[in-house]
Amino acid sequence: MLNIYLESTIRPPQKAAGKAMYIAEFVSDKNPESFVTREGYAEFGETTEDAAILTILIEALLILNKPCTIRIFTKAKGILSTLESRRYEAWQGQKWIKSNKESVKNAHLWDIVAHALEKHDWTITDEDHSYREYMRSELKKWQRA
């Protein structure tokens, strides 16, 4: 089981410069009673919250070397609703064109996420988690630097 926690300093709806981070937490193969964590950060020029969160989610998914069960935590409403509804699967089947004939925003990122998730059993939630305050604190430090 892998938990992926995602946070960003960028807030919708406007584009902004900012930072995003993930924490990936999983049970150690060597010691099933202990957790292993990995952190990753990214800095962005003018972008949207969705693009930042998708980018950092991709980075977290790239650490995986075998299929597993994943639980993704995010408050980013666009990412949350698209993944919950699996709307991205329809977009993928329509070559990243929405039913209204508009191109999907961040299609290249969604394509990578879609391919990365297809081999895993995953869920997504906006529940609070124990890393939220730590992550916000780290992102604030980064903003001040």
C-alpha atoms as a PDB file:
ATOM      1  CA  MET A   1       0.000   0.000   0.000  1.00  0.00           C
ATOM      2  CA  LEU A   2       1.297   3.403  -1.008  1.00  0.00           C
ATOM      3  CA  ASN A   3      -0.115   6.727   0.153  1.00  0.00           C
ATOM      4  CA  ILE A   4       0.690   9.769  -1.990  1.00  0.00           C
ATOM      5  CA  TYR A   5       0.088  13.184  -0.439  1.00  0.00           C
ATOM      6  CA  LEU A   6       0.008  16.219  -2.765  1.00  0.00           C
ATOM      7  CA  GLU A   7       0.166  19.923  -1.902  1.00  0.00           C
ATOM      8  CA  SER A   8       0.747  23.126  -3.878  1.00  0.00           C
ATOM      9  CA  THR A   9       1.104  26.836  -3.210  1.00  0.00           C
ATOM     10  CA  ILE A  10      -0.795  27.614  -6.424  1.00  0.00           C
ATOM     11  CA  ARG A  11      -4.530  28.220  -5.984  1.00  0.00           C
ATOM     12  CA  PRO A  12      -7.219  28.325  -8.660  1.00  0.00           C
ATOM     13  CA  PRO A  13      -8.464  29.853 -10.811  1.00  0.00           C
ATOM     14  CA  GLN A  14      -5.593  32.098 -11.852  1.00  0.00           C
ATOM     15  CA  LYS A  15      -2.177  31.022 -13.085  1.00  0.00           C
ATOM     16  CA  ALA A  16       0.699  31.772 -10.744  1.00  0.00           C
ATOM     17  CA  ALA A  17       4.274  30.895 -10.013  1.00  0.00           C
ATOM     18  CA  GLY A  18       4.648  28.513  -7.113  1.00  0.00           C
ATOM     19  CA  LYS A  19       5.794  25.234  -5.716  1.00  0.00           C
ATOM     20  CA  ALA A  20       4.324  21.787  -5.187  1.00  0.00           C
ATOM     21  CA  MET A  21       5.419  18.741  -3.278  1.00  0.00           C
ATOM     22  CA  TYR A  22       4.532  15.139  -2.681  1.00  0.00           C
ATOM     23  CA  ILE A  23       5.160  12.720   0.114  1.00  0.00           C
ATOM     24  CA  ALA A  24       4.963   9.032  -0.763  1.00  0.00           C
ATOM     25  CA  GLU A  25       4.557   6.723   2.215  1.00  0.00           C
ATOM     26  CA  PHE A  26       4.685   2.951   1.999  1.00  0.00           C
ATOM     27  CA  VAL A  27       5.297  -0.118   4.130  1.00  0.00           C
ATOM     28  CA  SER A  28       8.879  -1.332   4.029  1.00  0.00           C
ATOM     29  CA  ASP A  29       9.485  -4.678   2.295  1.00  0.00           C
ATOM     30  CA  LYS A  30      12.253  -5.392   4.790  1.00  0.00           C
ATOM     31  CA  ASN A  31      10.261  -4.489   7.896  1.00  0.00           C
ATOM     32  CA  PRO A  32       6.466  -4.689   7.464  1.00  0.00           C
ATOM     33  CA  GLU A  33       5.963  -2.766  10.706  1.00  0.00           C
ATOM     34  CA  SER A  34       7.740   0.374   9.522  1.00  0.00           C
ATOM     35  CA  PHE A  35       6.920   3.017   6.959  1.00  0.00           C
ATOM     36  CA  VAL A  36       9.267   4.473   4.378  1.00  0.00           C
ATOM     37  CA  THR A  37       8.687   7.993   3.081  1.00  0.00           C
ATOM     38  CA  ARG A  38       9.981   9.817   0.032  1.00  0.00           C
ATOM     39  CA  GLU A  39       9.523  13.518  -0.711  1.00  0.00           C
ATOM     40  CA  GLY A  40       9.678  15.406  -3.955  1.00  0.00           C
ATOM     41  CA  TYR A  41       9.399  19.075  -4.861  1.00  0.00           C
ATOM     42  CA  ALA A  42       8.916  21.082  -8.025  1.00  0.00           C
ATOM     43  CA  GLU A  43       9.034  24.799  -8.738  1.00  0.00           C
ATOM     44  CA  PHE A  44       6.859  26.341 -11.441  1.00  0.00           C
ATOM     45  CA  GLY A  45       6.669  29.552 -13.419  1.00  0.00           C
ATOM     46  CA  GLU A  46       3.194  30.726 -14.391  1.00  0.00           C
ATOM     47  CA  THR A  47       0.976  27.628 -14.255  1.00  0.00           C
ATOM     48  CA  THR A  48      -2.291  26.333 -12.835  1.00  0.00           C
ATOM     49  CA  GLU A  49      -2.876  24.319  -9.690  1.00  0.00           C
ATOM     50  CA  ASP A  50      -3.969  21.353 -11.829  1.00  0.00           C
ATOM     51  CA  ALA A  51      -0.769  21.377 -13.895  1.00  0.00           C
ATOM     52  CA  ALA A  52       1.372  21.614 -10.752  1.00  0.00           C
ATOM     53  CA  ILE A  53      -0.469  18.782  -8.981  1.00  0.00           C
ATOM     54  CA  LEU A  54      -0.414  16.550 -12.077  1.00  0.00           C
ATOM     55  CA  THR A  55       3.329  17.141 -12.468  1.00  0.00           C
ATOM     56  CA  ILE A  56       4.093  16.283  -8.853  1.00  0.00           C
ATOM     57  CA  LEU A  57       1.764  13.259  -8.993  1.00  0.00           C
ATOM     58  CA  ILE A  58       3.717  11.983 -12.008  1.00  0.00           C
ATOM     59  CA  GLU A  59       6.970  12.377 -10.061  1.00  0.00           C
ATOM     60  CA  ALA A  60       5.514  10.369  -7.175  1.00  0.00           C
ATOM     61  CA  LEU A  61       4.230   7.629  -9.490  1.00  0.00           C
ATOM     62  CA  LEU A  62       7.631   7.333 -11.162  1.00  0.00           C
ATOM     63  CA  ILE A  63       9.182   5.982  -7.955  1.00  0.00           C
ATOM     64  CA  LEU A  64       7.095   2.815  -8.277  1.00  0.00           C
ATOM     65  CA  ASN A  65       8.725  -0.246  -9.759  1.00  0.00           C
ATOM     66  CA  LYS A  66       5.847  -2.701  -9.419  1.00  0.00           C
ATOM     67  CA  PRO A  67       2.036  -2.601  -9.345  1.00  0.00           C
ATOM     68  CA  CYS A  68       0.527  -1.762  -5.978  1.00  0.00           C
ATOM     69  CA  THR A  69      -2.471  -0.294  -4.205  1.00  0.00           C
ATOM     70  CA  ILE A  70      -2.308   3.500  -4.072  1.00  0.00           C
ATOM     71  CA  ARG A  71      -4.290   6.061  -2.147  1.00  0.00           C
ATOM     72  CA  ILE A  72      -3.882   9.639  -3.415  1.00  0.00           C
ATOM     73  CA  PHE A  73      -4.616  12.597  -1.127  1.00  0.00           C
ATOM     74  CA  THR A  74      -5.274  16.036  -2.633  1.00  0.00           C
ATOM     75  CA  LYS A  75      -7.477  19.084  -2.111  1.00  0.00           C
ATOM     76  CA  ALA A  76      -7.099  20.149  -5.770  1.00  0.00           C
ATOM     77  CA  LYS A  77     -10.742  20.013  -6.864  1.00  0.00           C
ATOM     78  CA  GLY A  78     -10.053  19.694 -10.608  1.00  0.00           C
ATOM     79  CA  ILE A  79      -7.734  16.730 -10.139  1.00  0.00           C
ATOM     80  CA  LEU A  80      -9.940  15.168  -7.494  1.00  0.00           C
ATOM     81  CA  SER A  81     -13.138  15.291  -9.557  1.00  0.00           C
ATOM     82  CA  THR A  82     -11.473  14.139 -12.790  1.00  0.00           C
ATOM     83  CA  LEU A  83      -9.805  11.170 -11.132  1.00  0.00           C
ATOM     84  CA  GLU A  84     -12.822  10.269  -8.972  1.00  0.00           C
ATOM     85  CA  SER A  85     -15.128  10.207 -11.984  1.00  0.00           C
ATOM     86  CA  ARG A  86     -12.427   8.651 -14.205  1.00  0.00           C
ATOM     87  CA  ARG A  87     -13.337  11.287 -16.787  1.00  0.00           C
ATOM     88  CA  TYR A  88      -9.756  11.177 -18.027  1.00  0.00           C
ATOM     89  CA  GLU A  89     -10.436   7.673 -19.412  1.00  0.00           C
ATOM     90  CA  ALA A  90     -13.095   9.064 -21.771  1.00  0.00           C
ATOM     91  CA  TRP A  91     -10.764  11.884 -22.793  1.00  0.00           C
ATOM     92  CA  GLN A  92      -8.014   9.373 -23.453  1.00  0.00           C
ATOM     93  CA  GLY A  93     -10.353   7.324 -25.649  1.00  0.00           C
ATOM     94  CA  GLN A  94     -11.260  10.485 -27.576  1.00  0.00           C
ATOM     95  CA  LYS A  95      -7.579  11.410 -28.092  1.00  0.00           C
ATOM     96  CA  TRP A  96      -7.737  14.120 -25.395  1.00  0.00           C
ATOM     97  CA  ILE A  97     -10.707  15.957 -26.907  1.00  0.00           C
ATOM     98  CA  LYS A  98     -13.703  16.678 -24.663  1.00  0.00           C
ATOM     99  CA  SER A  99     -17.256  15.936 -25.744  1.00  0.00           C
ATOM    100  CA  ASN A 100     -17.689  19.669 -26.531  1.00  0.00           C
ATOM    101  CA  LYS A 101     -14.815  19.300 -29.064  1.00  0.00           C
ATOM    102  CA  GLU A 102     -12.368  21.366 -26.973  1.00  0.00           C
ATOM    103  CA  SER A 103      -8.894  20.055 -26.256  1.00  0.00           C
ATOM    104  CA  VAL A 104      -8.284  18.835 -22.724  1.00  0.00           C
ATOM    105  CA  LYS A 105      -6.101  21.236 -20.739  1.00  0.00           C
ATOM    106  CA  ASN A 106      -2.844  19.582 -19.662  1.00  0.00           C
ATOM    107  CA  ALA A 107      -3.538  16.648 -22.002  1.00  0.00           C
ATOM    108  CA  HIS A 108       0.125  15.626 -22.086  1.00  0.00           C
ATOM    109  CA  LEU A 109       0.187  15.425 -18.268  1.00  0.00           C
ATOM    110  CA  TRP A 110      -3.126  13.567 -18.109  1.00  0.00           C
ATOM    111  CA  ASP A 111      -1.797  11.087 -20.667  1.00  0.00           C
ATOM    112  CA  ILE A 112       1.219  10.305 -18.488  1.00  0.00           C
ATOM    113  CA  VAL A 113      -0.956   9.985 -15.365  1.00  0.00           C
ATOM    114  CA  ALA A 114      -3.421   7.719 -17.194  1.00  0.00           C
ATOM    115  CA  HIS A 115      -0.663   5.364 -18.305  1.00  0.00           C
ATOM    116  CA  ALA A 116       1.024   5.407 -14.897  1.00  0.00           C
ATOM    117  CA  LEU A 117      -2.197   4.595 -13.025  1.00  0.00           C
ATOM    118  CA  GLU A 118      -3.470   1.840 -15.308  1.00  0.00           C
ATOM    119  CA  LYS A 119      -1.293  -0.861 -13.732  1.00  0.00           C
ATOM    120  CA  HIS A 120      -2.278   0.023 -10.160  1.00  0.00           C
ATOM    121  CA  ASP A 121      -5.353  -0.324  -7.981  1.00  0.00           C
ATOM    122  CA  TRP A 122      -5.914   3.232  -6.747  1.00  0.00           C
ATOM    123  CA  THR A 123      -8.309   5.592  -5.006  1.00  0.00           C
ATOM    124  CA  ILE A 124      -8.295   9.334  -4.430  1.00  0.00           C
ATOM    125  CA  THR A 125      -9.567  11.385  -1.510  1.00  0.00           C
ATOM    126  CA  ASP A 126      -9.602  14.931  -0.170  1.00  0.00           C
ATOM    127  CA  GLU A 127      -9.461  13.729   3.446  1.00  0.00           C
ATOM    128  CA  ASP A 128      -7.164  15.527   5.828  1.00  0.00           C
ATOM    129  CA  HIS A 129      -3.938  13.724   6.629  1.00  0.00           C
ATOM    130  CA  SER A 130      -1.137  13.888   9.149  1.00  0.00           C
ATOM    131  CA  TYR A 131       1.373  15.372   6.663  1.00  0.00           C
ATOM    132  CA  ARG A 132      -0.706  18.406   5.617  1.00  0.00           C
ATOM    133  CA  GLU A 133       0.702  20.912   8.123  1.00  0.00           C
ATOM    134  CA  TYR A 134       4.261  19.709   7.579  1.00  0.00           C
ATOM    135  CA  MET A 135       3.877  20.041   3.805  1.00  0.00           C
ATOM    136  CA  ARG A 136       2.351  23.508   4.038  1.00  0.00           C
ATOM    137  CA  SER A 137       5.168  24.567   6.355  1.00  0.00           C
ATOM    138  CA  GLU A 138       7.816  23.247   3.940  1.00  0.00           C
ATOM    139  CA  LEU A 139       6.173  24.984   0.982  1.00  0.00           C
ATOM    140  CA  LYS A 140       6.019  28.272   2.913  1.00  0.00           C
ATOM    141  CA  LYS A 141       9.728  28.021   3.749  1.00  0.00           C
ATOM    142  CA  TRP A 142      10.423  27.458   0.093  1.00  0.00           C
ATOM    143  CA  GLN A 143       8.346  30.485  -0.899  1.00  0.00           C
ATOM    144  CA  ARG A 144      10.321  32.727   1.465  1.00  0.00           C
ATOM    145  CA  ALA A 145      13.717  31.488   0.227  1.00  0.00           C
END
